[in-house]
Amino acid sequence: MKNLSLAVSLLIASSSIASAGMTSDLNSAIANMCEKLKTCAFQQVGINAASKQTPKATAINNSVNQACALIKADFTSAATTNTQKRKAIACASSVTKKTCSELSQPNAPSPPACKGFQSFKRSK
């Protein structure tokens, strides 16, 4: 009986560790995506890395940071299971892999990986 309860305790602990790792991976994927969006926003208005202290750069930086905070809140509230977190990570990663010109197209379709993420989000 002791072995069974030890096994259950270890299973619960390993599940918690896996979930914490998945959350960390999701946060990292979102951070990478936000950096990509920030880079593209600066590129679109012609601001290079050396001039990011200008008022225009600060305004863009603040806007992207606000948008990313909303994205992170949206992703993390929707992705409550490891399966959903994997889909959210795939979505964020697929956005990060796009070029800035692809991301700036006004009617560009969502990446295929995000469609899977969006489908479980709607069912919540």
Protein backbone atom coordinates (compact mmCIF):
# COMPACT_ATOMS: atom_id res chain seq x y z
CA MET A 1 0.00 0.00 0.00
CA LYS A 2 2.88 2.35 0.79
CA ASN A 3 4.35 1.74 -2.67
CA LEU A 4 1.03 2.59 -4.30
CA SER A 5 0.70 5.90 -2.47
CA LEU A 6 4.34 6.72 -3.24
CA ALA A 7 3.72 5.96 -6.91
CA VAL A 8 0.62 8.19 -6.92
CA SER A 9 2.56 10.99 -5.20
CA LEU A 10 5.37 10.71 -7.75
CA LEU A 11 2.89 10.72 -10.63
CA ILE A 12 1.20 13.85 -9.31
CA ALA A 13 4.56 15.55 -8.75
CA SER A 14 5.81 14.68 -12.24
CA SER A 15 2.56 15.94 -13.76
CA SER A 16 2.97 19.25 -11.93
CA ILE A 17 6.56 19.56 -13.10
CA ALA A 18 5.58 18.81 -16.69
CA SER A 19 2.81 21.39 -16.53
CA ALA A 20 5.18 24.01 -15.08
CA GLY A 21 7.66 23.26 -17.88
CA MET A 22 4.91 23.58 -20.47
CA THR A 23 3.85 26.92 -18.98
CA SER A 24 7.45 28.11 -19.14
CA ASP A 25 7.67 26.98 -22.77
CA LEU A 26 4.43 28.83 -23.55
CA ASN A 27 5.69 32.02 -21.88
CA SER A 28 8.93 31.74 -23.85
CA ALA A 29 7.09 31.21 -27.15
CA ILE A 30 4.88 34.23 -26.46
CA ALA A 31 7.92 36.36 -25.55
CA ASN A 32 9.65 35.34 -28.80
CA MET A 33 6.52 36.14 -30.80
CA CYS A 34 6.24 39.54 -29.14
CA GLU A 35 9.87 40.34 -29.90
CA LYS A 36 9.21 39.43 -33.54
CA LEU A 37 6.15 41.69 -33.61
CA LYS A 38 8.17 44.50 -32.03
CA THR A 39 10.98 44.07 -34.57
CA CYS A 40 8.48 44.17 -37.42
CA ALA A 41 6.74 47.26 -36.00
CA PHE A 42 10.07 49.09 -35.77
CA GLN A 43 11.02 47.94 -39.26
CA GLN A 44 7.69 49.08 -40.69
CA VAL A 45 8.22 52.65 -39.48
CA GLY A 46 11.93 52.67 -40.29
CA ILE A 47 13.36 52.62 -36.78
CA ASN A 48 16.63 50.75 -36.40
CA ALA A 49 17.94 49.11 -33.23
CA ALA A 50 20.24 52.05 -32.45
CA SER A 51 17.43 54.63 -32.31
CA LYS A 52 14.96 52.83 -30.03
CA GLN A 53 15.14 55.67 -27.48
CA THR A 54 13.22 58.16 -29.60
CA PRO A 55 9.67 59.17 -28.57
CA LYS A 56 8.28 57.40 -31.64
CA ALA A 57 10.17 54.20 -30.74
CA THR A 58 8.99 54.43 -27.13
CA ALA A 59 5.38 54.79 -28.27
CA ILE A 60 5.68 51.76 -30.56
CA ASN A 61 7.40 49.77 -27.85
CA ASN A 62 4.64 50.60 -25.36
CA SER A 63 1.90 49.72 -27.86
CA VAL A 64 3.46 46.37 -28.71
CA ASN A 65 4.01 45.62 -25.02
CA GLN A 66 0.33 46.33 -24.30
CA ALA A 67 -0.77 44.14 -27.21
CA CYS A 68 1.55 41.37 -26.04
CA ALA A 69 0.19 41.55 -22.50
CA LEU A 70 -3.29 41.01 -23.94
CA ILE A 71 -2.08 38.17 -26.15
CA LYS A 72 -0.35 36.49 -23.21
CA ALA A 73 -3.46 36.82 -21.04
CA ASP A 74 -5.59 35.41 -23.86
CA PHE A 75 -3.27 32.48 -24.53
CA THR A 76 -2.75 31.58 -20.90
CA SER A 77 -6.42 31.79 -19.98
CA ALA A 78 -7.38 29.61 -22.95
CA ALA A 79 -4.53 27.10 -22.66
CA THR A 80 -5.28 25.30 -19.42
CA THR A 81 -4.22 21.77 -20.37
CA ASN A 82 -0.86 20.60 -21.71
CA THR A 83 -2.49 19.75 -25.06
CA GLN A 84 -3.86 23.26 -25.33
CA LYS A 85 -0.53 24.73 -24.25
CA ARG A 86 1.21 22.74 -27.01
CA LYS A 87 -1.24 24.20 -29.54
CA ALA A 88 -0.68 27.71 -28.19
CA ILE A 89 3.10 27.22 -28.36
CA ALA A 90 2.80 25.99 -31.95
CA CYS A 91 0.70 29.03 -32.82
CA ALA A 92 3.09 31.53 -31.25
CA SER A 93 6.08 29.77 -32.83
CA SER A 94 4.47 29.79 -36.27
CA VAL A 95 3.86 33.55 -36.00
CA THR A 96 7.50 34.04 -34.97
CA LYS A 97 8.67 32.17 -38.08
CA LYS A 98 6.75 34.45 -40.47
CA THR A 99 8.51 37.32 -42.20
CA CYS A 100 7.64 40.88 -41.31
CA SER A 101 6.07 41.37 -44.75
CA GLU A 102 3.85 38.33 -44.18
CA LEU A 103 2.81 39.65 -40.79
CA SER A 104 2.02 43.11 -42.14
CA GLN A 105 -0.47 41.92 -44.75
CA PRO A 106 -3.88 43.19 -43.59
CA ASN A 107 -5.95 40.18 -44.70
CA ALA A 108 -3.37 37.45 -44.27
CA PRO A 109 -4.84 34.17 -43.05
CA SER A 110 -3.91 32.87 -39.62
CA PRO A 111 -1.09 30.33 -39.63
CA PRO A 112 -2.43 26.75 -39.75
CA ALA A 113 -1.05 26.10 -36.24
CA CYS A 114 -3.17 28.96 -34.89
CA LYS A 115 -6.33 27.53 -36.37
CA GLY A 116 -5.99 24.53 -34.07
CA PHE A 117 -5.36 26.86 -31.16
CA GLN A 118 -8.37 28.99 -32.02
CA SER A 119 -10.65 25.97 -32.30
CA PHE A 120 -10.14 24.84 -28.73
CA LYS A 121 -10.38 28.43 -27.51
CA ARG A 122 -13.88 28.80 -28.95
CA SER A 123 -15.05 25.63 -27.27
CA LYS A 124 -14.19 26.91 -23.79
